[in-house]
Amino acid sequence: MPLIKVQTSVSTPEASAVEGLLKSLSAKLAKHLGKPKSYVMTAFEPDVAMTFAGTTEPVCYLEIKSVGTMSPAQTKAMSQDFCQVINEKLGVPINRVYIEFADAKGSMWGWNSSTFG
């Protein structure tokens, strides 16, 4: 049920680097939310035409969605953690990363021919 989606203007890294990034994000998201890693989905979209502050320097947008409620303490910790990972793995400065956190009602999240609510 948790999802972390990465969209970035950075060119596509090697396949092994992308796999490593997604596995790292998956494990971290599961830990932050206290949910099983077996439910976490990750997505990576490189080479997206993007601007930030009027420039095309490297930039990144993350979406983090989960069934239930994320607390302000959780979102702050995740912002710090995921900005650091994106900086280390993709070279995007942390001040050029936006993260959208979204809580979802269980009935609005489908899986396995049903929903979580």
Protein backbone atom coordinates (compact mmCIF):
# COMPACT_ATOMS: atom_id res chain seq x y z
CA MET A 1 0.00 0.00 0.00
CA PRO A 2 2.80 2.53 0.50
CA LEU A 3 4.10 4.01 -2.74
CA ILE A 4 7.14 6.13 -3.44
CA LYS A 5 7.37 7.54 -6.95
CA VAL A 6 10.46 9.40 -8.14
CA GLN A 7 10.38 11.77 -11.10
CA THR A 8 13.63 13.48 -12.00
CA SER A 9 15.29 15.44 -14.75
CA VAL A 10 18.44 13.36 -14.25
CA SER A 11 19.38 11.06 -17.12
CA THR A 12 18.74 7.36 -16.69
CA PRO A 13 21.42 5.81 -14.45
CA GLU A 14 22.69 2.27 -15.04
CA ALA A 15 20.09 -0.42 -14.35
CA SER A 16 21.93 -1.65 -11.26
CA ALA A 17 21.98 1.88 -9.81
CA VAL A 18 18.23 2.26 -10.39
CA GLU A 19 17.57 -1.12 -8.78
CA GLY A 20 19.70 -0.18 -5.79
CA LEU A 21 17.92 3.15 -5.41
CA LEU A 22 14.47 1.56 -5.56
CA LYS A 23 15.37 -1.17 -3.08
CA SER A 24 16.82 1.40 -0.68
CA LEU A 25 13.74 3.62 -0.94
CA SER A 26 11.45 0.62 -0.46
CA ALA A 27 13.21 -0.51 2.71
CA LYS A 28 13.34 3.01 4.14
CA LEU A 29 9.67 3.70 3.41
CA ALA A 30 8.61 0.43 5.06
CA LYS A 31 10.68 1.30 8.12
CA HIS A 32 9.39 4.88 8.39
CA LEU A 33 5.77 3.76 8.13
CA GLY A 34 6.09 0.53 10.11
CA LYS A 35 4.54 -1.43 7.26
CA PRO A 36 5.73 -4.65 5.60
CA LYS A 37 8.19 -4.19 2.75
CA SER A 38 6.10 -6.75 0.84
CA TYR A 39 3.42 -4.05 0.36
CA VAL A 40 5.72 -1.20 -0.74
CA MET A 41 5.76 -0.17 -4.40
CA THR A 42 8.44 2.02 -5.94
CA ALA A 43 8.57 3.77 -9.32
CA PHE A 44 11.34 5.69 -11.07
CA GLU A 45 10.91 8.08 -13.99
CA PRO A 46 14.18 9.63 -15.23
CA ASP A 47 14.67 12.18 -18.02
CA VAL A 48 11.50 14.09 -17.17
CA ALA A 49 11.46 17.63 -18.59
CA MET A 50 11.36 19.73 -15.41
CA THR A 51 12.28 23.15 -14.08
CA PHE A 52 12.69 24.45 -10.56
CA ALA A 53 13.33 28.09 -9.63
CA GLY A 54 13.34 28.87 -13.33
CA THR A 55 16.26 26.61 -14.22
CA THR A 56 16.72 23.16 -15.71
CA GLU A 57 19.47 22.18 -13.28
CA PRO A 58 18.91 18.68 -11.80
CA VAL A 59 15.62 18.47 -9.94
CA CYS A 60 13.49 15.74 -8.38
CA TYR A 61 9.86 15.29 -7.34
CA LEU A 62 8.78 12.46 -5.03
CA GLU A 63 5.27 11.26 -4.25
CA ILE A 64 4.79 9.28 -1.07
CA LYS A 65 1.36 7.77 -0.53
CA SER A 66 0.11 5.40 2.11
CA VAL A 67 -3.11 4.07 3.56
CA GLY A 68 -3.60 5.64 6.97
CA THR A 69 -2.26 8.82 8.49
CA MET A 70 1.33 10.00 8.38
CA SER A 71 2.25 12.19 11.32
CA PRO A 72 4.16 15.47 10.98
CA ALA A 73 7.12 13.81 12.73
CA GLN A 74 7.07 10.95 10.19
CA THR A 75 6.89 13.25 7.16
CA LYS A 76 9.70 15.45 8.50
CA ALA A 77 11.93 12.41 9.09
CA MET A 78 11.09 10.99 5.66
CA SER A 79 11.81 14.32 3.98
CA GLN A 80 15.24 14.46 5.57
CA ASP A 81 16.01 10.81 4.77
CA PHE A 82 14.74 10.74 1.18
CA CYS A 83 16.29 14.10 0.21
CA GLN A 84 19.64 12.74 1.39
CA VAL A 85 19.21 9.51 -0.60
CA ILE A 86 18.27 11.41 -3.77
CA ASN A 87 21.27 13.69 -3.32
CA GLU A 88 23.66 10.77 -2.79
CA LYS A 89 22.30 8.49 -5.52
CA LEU A 90 21.25 10.99 -8.21
CA GLY A 91 23.29 14.09 -7.40
CA VAL A 92 20.24 16.33 -7.04
CA PRO A 93 20.82 19.05 -4.43
CA ILE A 94 18.47 18.64 -1.47
CA ASN A 95 17.09 22.16 -2.01
CA ARG A 96 15.90 21.04 -5.47
CA VAL A 97 13.74 18.15 -4.21
CA TYR A 98 10.02 18.45 -3.58
CA ILE A 99 8.11 15.70 -1.79
CA GLU A 100 4.35 15.31 -1.73
CA PHE A 101 2.97 13.21 1.12
CA ALA A 102 -0.56 11.88 0.73
CA ASP A 103 -2.69 9.84 3.10
CA ALA A 104 -5.22 7.54 1.44
CA LYS A 105 -8.40 6.05 2.84
CA GLY A 106 -8.32 2.27 2.74
CA SER A 107 -11.41 2.21 0.54
CA MET A 108 -9.61 4.41 -2.02
CA TRP A 109 -6.63 2.05 -2.47
CA GLY A 110 -7.17 -1.13 -4.45
CA TRP A 111 -5.12 -4.32 -4.38
CA ASN A 112 -5.64 -7.98 -5.17
CA SER A 113 -9.17 -7.45 -6.56
CA SER A 114 -10.28 -5.60 -3.41
CA THR A 115 -9.41 -2.55 -1.33
CA PHE A 116 -7.77 -1.94 2.03
CA GLY A 117 -10.97 -0.52 3.54
